[in-house]
Structures are given as structure tokens and as C-alpha cells.
N, C-alpha and C. Protein backbone atom coordinates (compact mmCIF):
# COMPACT_ATOMS: atom_id res chain seq x y z
N MET A 1 0.83 -1.18 0.00
CA MET A 1 0.00 0.00 0.00
C MET A 1 0.87 1.25 0.00
N GLN A 2 0.73 2.06 -1.01
CA GLN A 2 1.57 3.23 -1.14
C GLN A 2 1.15 4.36 -0.20
N ASP A 3 -0.12 4.43 0.19
CA ASP A 3 -0.60 5.51 1.04
C ASP A 3 -0.57 5.17 2.52
N THR A 4 0.07 4.09 2.87
CA THR A 4 0.10 3.65 4.26
C THR A 4 0.97 4.57 5.11
N ILE A 5 0.40 5.03 6.20
CA ILE A 5 1.13 5.83 7.18
C ILE A 5 1.48 4.89 8.32
N TYR A 6 2.77 4.85 8.64
CA TYR A 6 3.18 3.93 9.70
C TYR A 6 4.28 4.56 10.56
N ILE A 7 4.47 3.95 11.74
CA ILE A 7 5.45 4.44 12.71
C ILE A 7 6.85 4.04 12.27
N VAL A 8 7.73 5.02 12.19
CA VAL A 8 9.13 4.76 11.86
C VAL A 8 9.95 4.63 13.13
N HIS A 9 9.66 5.52 14.10
CA HIS A 9 10.43 5.54 15.35
C HIS A 9 9.53 6.02 16.48
N ASN A 10 9.57 5.30 17.59
CA ASN A 10 8.74 5.71 18.74
C ASN A 10 9.36 5.31 20.07
N SER A 11 10.68 5.15 20.13
CA SER A 11 11.30 4.71 21.37
C SER A 11 11.50 5.83 22.39
N VAL A 12 11.43 7.08 21.97
CA VAL A 12 11.51 8.21 22.90
C VAL A 12 10.08 8.52 23.35
N PRO A 13 9.84 8.60 24.65
CA PRO A 13 8.47 8.85 25.13
C PRO A 13 7.92 10.19 24.63
N ASN A 14 6.64 10.19 24.29
CA ASN A 14 5.89 11.38 23.87
C ASN A 14 6.43 12.00 22.59
N ARG A 15 7.06 11.19 21.77
CA ARG A 15 7.66 11.65 20.52
C ARG A 15 7.53 10.51 19.53
N ILE A 16 6.98 10.80 18.36
CA ILE A 16 6.76 9.74 17.38
C ILE A 16 7.09 10.26 15.98
N ARG A 17 7.78 9.43 15.21
CA ARG A 17 8.09 9.77 13.81
C ARG A 17 7.28 8.84 12.92
N LEU A 18 6.51 9.44 12.02
CA LEU A 18 5.63 8.68 11.14
C LEU A 18 6.03 8.86 9.68
N PHE A 19 5.93 7.78 8.92
CA PHE A 19 6.16 7.87 7.48
C PHE A 19 4.84 8.25 6.82
N VAL A 20 4.86 9.34 6.06
CA VAL A 20 3.68 9.84 5.35
C VAL A 20 4.08 10.01 3.89
N PRO A 21 3.74 9.05 3.03
CA PRO A 21 4.19 9.13 1.63
C PRO A 21 3.70 10.37 0.89
N LEU A 22 2.62 10.96 1.33
CA LEU A 22 2.05 12.14 0.68
C LEU A 22 3.00 13.34 0.71
N ILE A 23 3.87 13.44 1.72
CA ILE A 23 4.72 14.62 1.85
C ILE A 23 6.13 14.43 1.30
N LYS A 24 6.44 13.25 0.80
CA LYS A 24 7.78 13.00 0.31
C LYS A 24 8.08 13.86 -0.91
N TYR A 25 9.10 14.72 -0.78
CA TYR A 25 9.54 15.66 -1.81
C TYR A 25 8.48 16.70 -2.17
N LYS A 26 7.53 16.95 -1.27
CA LYS A 26 6.48 17.93 -1.52
C LYS A 26 6.44 18.92 -0.34
N HIS A 27 7.18 20.01 -0.48
CA HIS A 27 7.31 20.99 0.60
C HIS A 27 5.97 21.60 0.99
N THR A 28 5.14 21.92 0.02
CA THR A 28 3.87 22.57 0.32
C THR A 28 2.95 21.64 1.09
N PHE A 29 2.86 20.38 0.66
CA PHE A 29 2.03 19.41 1.37
C PHE A 29 2.56 19.18 2.78
N ALA A 30 3.88 19.14 2.93
CA ALA A 30 4.47 18.91 4.25
C ALA A 30 4.13 20.07 5.18
N GLU A 31 4.26 21.29 4.70
CA GLU A 31 3.95 22.45 5.52
C GLU A 31 2.46 22.51 5.85
N LEU A 32 1.63 22.17 4.88
CA LEU A 32 0.19 22.15 5.11
C LEU A 32 -0.20 21.10 6.15
N LEU A 33 0.40 19.92 6.06
CA LEU A 33 0.11 18.86 7.03
C LEU A 33 0.53 19.30 8.43
N LYS A 34 1.68 19.92 8.53
CA LYS A 34 2.17 20.41 9.81
C LYS A 34 1.19 21.42 10.40
N GLN A 35 0.81 22.42 9.61
CA GLN A 35 -0.09 23.45 10.10
C GLN A 35 -1.47 22.90 10.45
N CYS A 36 -1.96 21.98 9.65
CA CYS A 36 -3.27 21.38 9.93
C CYS A 36 -3.23 20.56 11.22
N LEU A 37 -2.16 19.86 11.43
CA LEU A 37 -2.02 19.05 12.64
C LEU A 37 -1.92 19.94 13.88
N LEU A 38 -1.16 21.01 13.79
CA LEU A 38 -1.00 21.89 14.94
C LEU A 38 -2.26 22.71 15.24
N ARG A 39 -3.10 22.94 14.23
CA ARG A 39 -4.32 23.73 14.42
C ARG A 39 -5.57 22.87 14.59
N ASP A 40 -5.43 21.57 14.49
CA ASP A 40 -6.57 20.68 14.61
C ASP A 40 -7.15 20.76 16.02
N MET A 41 -8.45 20.95 16.13
CA MET A 41 -9.10 21.06 17.44
C MET A 41 -9.03 19.74 18.22
N ASN A 42 -8.91 18.63 17.51
CA ASN A 42 -8.81 17.32 18.18
C ASN A 42 -7.38 17.00 18.62
N ALA A 43 -6.43 17.86 18.27
CA ALA A 43 -5.02 17.61 18.59
C ALA A 43 -4.50 18.62 19.59
N LYS A 44 -5.22 18.82 20.67
CA LYS A 44 -4.83 19.83 21.66
C LYS A 44 -3.51 19.52 22.34
N GLY A 45 -3.14 18.26 22.44
CA GLY A 45 -1.90 17.88 23.10
C GLY A 45 -0.69 17.87 22.19
N VAL A 46 -0.87 18.09 20.90
CA VAL A 46 0.25 18.13 19.96
C VAL A 46 0.85 19.52 20.01
N TYR A 47 2.13 19.59 20.41
CA TYR A 47 2.76 20.91 20.52
C TYR A 47 3.92 21.10 19.56
N HIS A 48 4.28 20.09 18.78
CA HIS A 48 5.37 20.24 17.82
C HIS A 48 5.17 19.24 16.68
N ALA A 49 5.36 19.70 15.46
CA ALA A 49 5.32 18.83 14.29
C ALA A 49 6.40 19.31 13.34
N GLU A 50 7.24 18.39 12.91
CA GLU A 50 8.36 18.76 12.05
C GLU A 50 8.46 17.77 10.88
N PRO A 51 8.02 18.19 9.69
CA PRO A 51 8.10 17.29 8.53
C PRO A 51 9.50 17.25 7.93
N ASN A 52 9.83 16.13 7.34
CA ASN A 52 11.08 15.96 6.60
C ASN A 52 10.69 15.47 5.22
N VAL A 53 10.82 16.33 4.22
CA VAL A 53 10.36 15.98 2.87
C VAL A 53 11.29 15.00 2.16
N VAL A 54 12.53 14.92 2.58
CA VAL A 54 13.46 14.00 1.95
C VAL A 54 13.11 12.55 2.31
N THR A 55 12.81 12.33 3.58
CA THR A 55 12.48 10.97 4.03
C THR A 55 10.99 10.70 3.98
N GLY A 56 10.18 11.75 3.86
CA GLY A 56 8.73 11.57 3.84
C GLY A 56 8.17 11.27 5.22
N THR A 57 8.81 11.81 6.25
CA THR A 57 8.35 11.55 7.61
C THR A 57 7.95 12.85 8.30
N ILE A 58 7.22 12.70 9.38
CA ILE A 58 6.87 13.84 10.22
C ILE A 58 7.10 13.44 11.67
N LEU A 59 7.81 14.30 12.38
CA LEU A 59 8.08 14.09 13.80
C LEU A 59 7.02 14.85 14.58
N VAL A 60 6.33 14.16 15.47
CA VAL A 60 5.27 14.77 16.27
C VAL A 60 5.60 14.61 17.74
N LYS A 61 5.58 15.72 18.46
CA LYS A 61 5.76 15.69 19.92
C LYS A 61 4.42 16.04 20.53
N TYR A 62 4.03 15.27 21.54
CA TYR A 62 2.70 15.43 22.12
C TYR A 62 2.73 15.23 23.62
N HIS A 63 1.67 15.71 24.27
CA HIS A 63 1.55 15.55 25.71
C HIS A 63 0.76 14.26 25.99
N PRO A 64 1.31 13.35 26.81
CA PRO A 64 0.65 12.05 27.01
C PRO A 64 -0.68 12.13 27.76
N ALA A 65 -0.93 13.22 28.46
CA ALA A 65 -2.21 13.35 29.15
C ALA A 65 -3.36 13.57 28.17
N PHE A 66 -3.06 14.06 26.98
CA PHE A 66 -4.09 14.34 25.99
C PHE A 66 -4.24 13.23 24.95
N HIS A 67 -3.12 12.59 24.57
CA HIS A 67 -3.18 11.64 23.46
C HIS A 67 -2.34 10.39 23.73
N SER A 68 -2.78 9.32 23.14
CA SER A 68 -1.96 8.10 23.11
C SER A 68 -1.25 8.05 21.76
N GLU A 69 -0.34 7.12 21.63
CA GLU A 69 0.39 6.97 20.38
C GLU A 69 -0.56 6.64 19.22
N ALA A 70 -1.51 5.77 19.48
CA ALA A 70 -2.48 5.38 18.43
C ALA A 70 -3.32 6.58 17.99
N GLU A 71 -3.67 7.45 18.93
CA GLU A 71 -4.46 8.64 18.57
C GLU A 71 -3.64 9.59 17.69
N ILE A 72 -2.36 9.71 17.96
CA ILE A 72 -1.50 10.57 17.14
C ILE A 72 -1.43 10.03 15.72
N VAL A 73 -1.25 8.72 15.60
CA VAL A 73 -1.21 8.12 14.26
C VAL A 73 -2.52 8.39 13.52
N GLU A 74 -3.63 8.26 14.22
CA GLU A 74 -4.93 8.49 13.59
C GLU A 74 -5.13 9.96 13.23
N LEU A 75 -4.66 10.89 14.06
CA LEU A 75 -4.75 12.31 13.75
C LEU A 75 -3.95 12.65 12.48
N VAL A 76 -2.75 12.13 12.39
CA VAL A 76 -1.92 12.37 11.20
C VAL A 76 -2.58 11.75 9.98
N ARG A 77 -3.09 10.54 10.14
CA ARG A 77 -3.76 9.85 9.03
C ARG A 77 -4.99 10.64 8.57
N ALA A 78 -5.79 11.14 9.49
CA ALA A 78 -7.00 11.89 9.14
C ALA A 78 -6.65 13.20 8.42
N ASN A 79 -5.64 13.91 8.93
CA ASN A 79 -5.24 15.17 8.30
C ASN A 79 -4.61 14.94 6.93
N ALA A 80 -3.82 13.88 6.80
CA ALA A 80 -3.24 13.55 5.49
C ALA A 80 -4.32 13.17 4.49
N GLN A 81 -5.35 12.47 4.95
CA GLN A 81 -6.45 12.09 4.08
C GLN A 81 -7.22 13.32 3.62
N LYS A 82 -7.46 14.28 4.53
CA LYS A 82 -8.13 15.52 4.15
C LYS A 82 -7.31 16.29 3.11
N LEU A 83 -6.01 16.30 3.31
CA LEU A 83 -5.12 16.98 2.38
C LEU A 83 -5.14 16.30 1.02
N LYS A 84 -5.11 14.98 1.03
CA LYS A 84 -5.11 14.22 -0.22
C LYS A 84 -6.41 14.40 -1.00
N GLU A 85 -7.51 14.47 -0.29
CA GLU A 85 -8.81 14.62 -0.93
C GLU A 85 -9.10 16.05 -1.34
N GLY A 86 -8.23 16.99 -0.96
CA GLY A 86 -8.42 18.38 -1.35
C GLY A 86 -9.41 19.11 -0.47
N LYS A 87 -9.65 18.61 0.72
CA LYS A 87 -10.60 19.27 1.63
C LYS A 87 -9.96 20.41 2.40
N ILE A 88 -8.67 20.61 2.22
CA ILE A 88 -7.95 21.71 2.86
C ILE A 88 -7.56 22.67 1.76
N GLU A 89 -7.99 23.90 1.89
CA GLU A 89 -7.69 24.90 0.87
C GLU A 89 -6.24 25.36 1.02
N ILE A 90 -5.52 25.33 -0.09
CA ILE A 90 -4.13 25.79 -0.09
C ILE A 90 -4.14 27.28 -0.41
N THR A 91 -3.87 28.07 0.60
CA THR A 91 -3.85 29.52 0.43
C THR A 91 -2.42 29.98 0.21
N GLN A 92 -2.26 31.25 -0.07
CA GLN A 92 -0.92 31.80 -0.32
C GLN A 92 -0.01 31.63 0.88
N LYS A 93 -0.55 31.75 2.10
CA LYS A 93 0.29 31.63 3.28
C LYS A 93 0.77 30.21 3.52
N HIS A 94 0.12 29.21 2.92
CA HIS A 94 0.54 27.83 3.08
C HIS A 94 1.64 27.44 2.11
N LYS A 95 1.80 28.19 1.05
CA LYS A 95 2.77 27.81 0.04
C LYS A 95 4.18 27.93 0.57
N ASN A 96 5.07 27.20 -0.03
CA ASN A 96 6.46 27.16 0.42
C ASN A 96 7.05 28.57 0.37
N PRO A 97 7.51 29.09 1.51
CA PRO A 97 8.02 30.46 1.52
C PRO A 97 9.32 30.63 0.74
N LYS A 98 10.04 29.56 0.47
CA LYS A 98 11.30 29.67 -0.26
C LYS A 98 11.08 29.86 -1.76
N VAL A 99 9.94 29.43 -2.25
CA VAL A 99 9.66 29.52 -3.67
C VAL A 99 9.19 30.93 -3.99
N GLY A 100 9.82 31.56 -4.94
CA GLY A 100 9.41 32.87 -5.39
C GLY A 100 9.76 34.00 -4.44
N ARG A 101 10.63 33.76 -3.51
CA ARG A 101 10.98 34.80 -2.54
C ARG A 101 11.84 35.89 -3.19
N MET A 102 12.72 35.50 -4.08
CA MET A 102 13.68 36.46 -4.64
C MET A 102 13.09 37.15 -5.87
N ARG A 103 13.13 38.47 -5.87
CA ARG A 103 12.63 39.24 -7.00
C ARG A 103 13.64 39.15 -8.15
N PRO A 104 13.19 39.35 -9.38
CA PRO A 104 14.13 39.42 -10.49
C PRO A 104 15.10 40.59 -10.27
N GLY A 105 16.34 40.39 -10.54
CA GLY A 105 17.33 41.43 -10.36
C GLY A 105 17.77 41.60 -8.93
N ALA A 106 17.37 40.70 -8.04
CA ALA A 106 17.70 40.84 -6.62
C ALA A 106 19.17 40.56 -6.34
N PHE A 107 19.87 40.01 -7.29
CA PHE A 107 21.29 39.73 -7.09
C PHE A 107 22.10 41.03 -6.97
N PHE A 108 21.64 42.08 -7.61
CA PHE A 108 22.38 43.33 -7.63
C PHE A 108 21.75 44.33 -6.68
N THR A 109 21.81 44.02 -5.42
CA THR A 109 21.29 44.92 -4.40
C THR A 109 22.39 45.85 -3.94
N ARG A 110 22.00 46.86 -3.21
CA ARG A 110 22.97 47.83 -2.68
C ARG A 110 23.96 47.14 -1.75
N GLU A 111 23.46 46.20 -0.94
CA GLU A 111 24.34 45.50 0.01
C GLU A 111 25.41 44.69 -0.72
N LEU A 112 25.02 44.07 -1.83
CA LEU A 112 25.99 43.29 -2.60
C LEU A 112 27.04 44.19 -3.21
N LEU A 113 26.62 45.31 -3.77
CA LEU A 113 27.57 46.24 -4.39
C LEU A 113 28.52 46.83 -3.34
N VAL A 114 28.00 47.16 -2.16
CA VAL A 114 28.85 47.67 -1.09
C VAL A 114 29.84 46.60 -0.65
N SER A 115 29.40 45.37 -0.57
CA SER A 115 30.28 44.27 -0.18
C SER A 115 31.40 44.07 -1.21
N ILE A 116 31.05 44.10 -2.48
CA ILE A 116 32.06 43.94 -3.53
C ILE A 116 33.05 45.10 -3.50
N ALA A 117 32.53 46.31 -3.38
CA ALA A 117 33.41 47.49 -3.34
C ALA A 117 34.33 47.43 -2.12
N GLY A 118 33.80 46.99 -1.00
CA GLY A 118 34.62 46.86 0.21
C GLY A 118 35.73 45.84 0.04
N ASN A 119 35.42 44.73 -0.60
CA ASN A 119 36.44 43.70 -0.84
C ASN A 119 37.51 44.19 -1.81
N VAL A 120 37.09 44.92 -2.85
CA VAL A 120 38.06 45.45 -3.81
C VAL A 120 38.97 46.47 -3.12
N LEU A 121 38.39 47.35 -2.34
CA LEU A 121 39.16 48.35 -1.61
C LEU A 121 40.13 47.69 -0.63
N ALA A 122 39.68 46.67 0.07
CA ALA A 122 40.56 45.95 1.00
C ALA A 122 41.70 45.27 0.25
N GLY A 123 41.42 44.74 -0.94
CA GLY A 123 42.46 44.11 -1.74
C GLY A 123 43.50 45.10 -2.22
N VAL A 124 43.05 46.28 -2.64
CA VAL A 124 43.97 47.32 -3.10
C VAL A 124 44.85 47.78 -1.95
N ILE A 125 44.27 48.01 -0.79
CA ILE A 125 45.04 48.44 0.39
C ILE A 125 46.05 47.37 0.78
N LEU A 126 45.64 46.11 0.77
CA LEU A 126 46.55 45.00 1.10
C LEU A 126 47.69 44.93 0.08
N ALA A 127 47.38 45.13 -1.20
CA ALA A 127 48.41 45.07 -2.22
C ALA A 127 49.42 46.22 -2.06
N LEU A 128 48.91 47.41 -1.74
CA LEU A 128 49.80 48.55 -1.48
C LEU A 128 50.67 48.32 -0.25
N PHE A 129 50.09 47.72 0.76
CA PHE A 129 50.82 47.43 2.00
C PHE A 129 51.93 46.41 1.75
N ILE A 130 51.64 45.40 0.97
CA ILE A 130 52.65 44.37 0.66
C ILE A 130 53.73 44.94 -0.23
N ALA A 131 53.38 45.81 -1.22
CA ALA A 131 54.34 46.37 -2.14
C ALA A 131 55.29 47.37 -1.47
N ALA A 132 54.83 47.96 -0.38
CA ALA A 132 55.65 48.99 0.27
C ALA A 132 56.72 48.42 1.15
């Protein structure tokens, strides 16, 4: 089963790593799953979620007074299913912040030009110092 969500690691108490194939190499889905899990009204004891898109896993830290391990797996499964079915609207704030951050021509900013000029000036001064 390709959509199977399962436990990868759970030997540290109140911390569980789950494999979620839906987020593998998909930054936007991973961020959406994280935000949905942290904002889910049924997940009051979940205080940390950290997806890893390379491995397709999500690390969830939770308070044991609110949830059991099985409940966490079910919460992740339910939120991933909602995401897969398109029941969660992907808004601009959910999109990957790294994509499209740099404006065209942003390489030639004032800070870059000042940095280059400073390095050139330092090189000239060093060359004069060595030549003298």
C-alpha cells in the first residue's frame, strides 16, 4: 500500500516519527500537514510537528495526558487524508516560503555592491601594503 502511514520511530516517550508518503519531496504538502495538525481542534496535546520531505516523515511531539500513540497516528492519518482529498484549501500563506521569494534582479542589491566594493578596496590596500 503506497498511502500507508506507519510508525518509523517511537522509542523516545511522547515523541513519534511517522512515514507519510504524501509529503515525500512535496514541501507545500508537508507544511500544510504540519499546520493542519498543529491547528486541529482534536489535537490539543500536539505541541510540535516537524516534517522531513526527503524521508517523507513527520516528527510529532505530544503531551501524554491528551493523546496516546495510536491517537496521534490516527490524527496524522486523518489530516493527510483531508489533504489528499483536497478538503484543505491551499492559500498563499501555506505555500512554500522559499519559492518565489527572490525578485528578479535581486542579485544586484545595494548591500551586494557595497560588499564587492569593500572587498576590492581591502584588496587594493593590502596590495599597497605588501608592495611597500
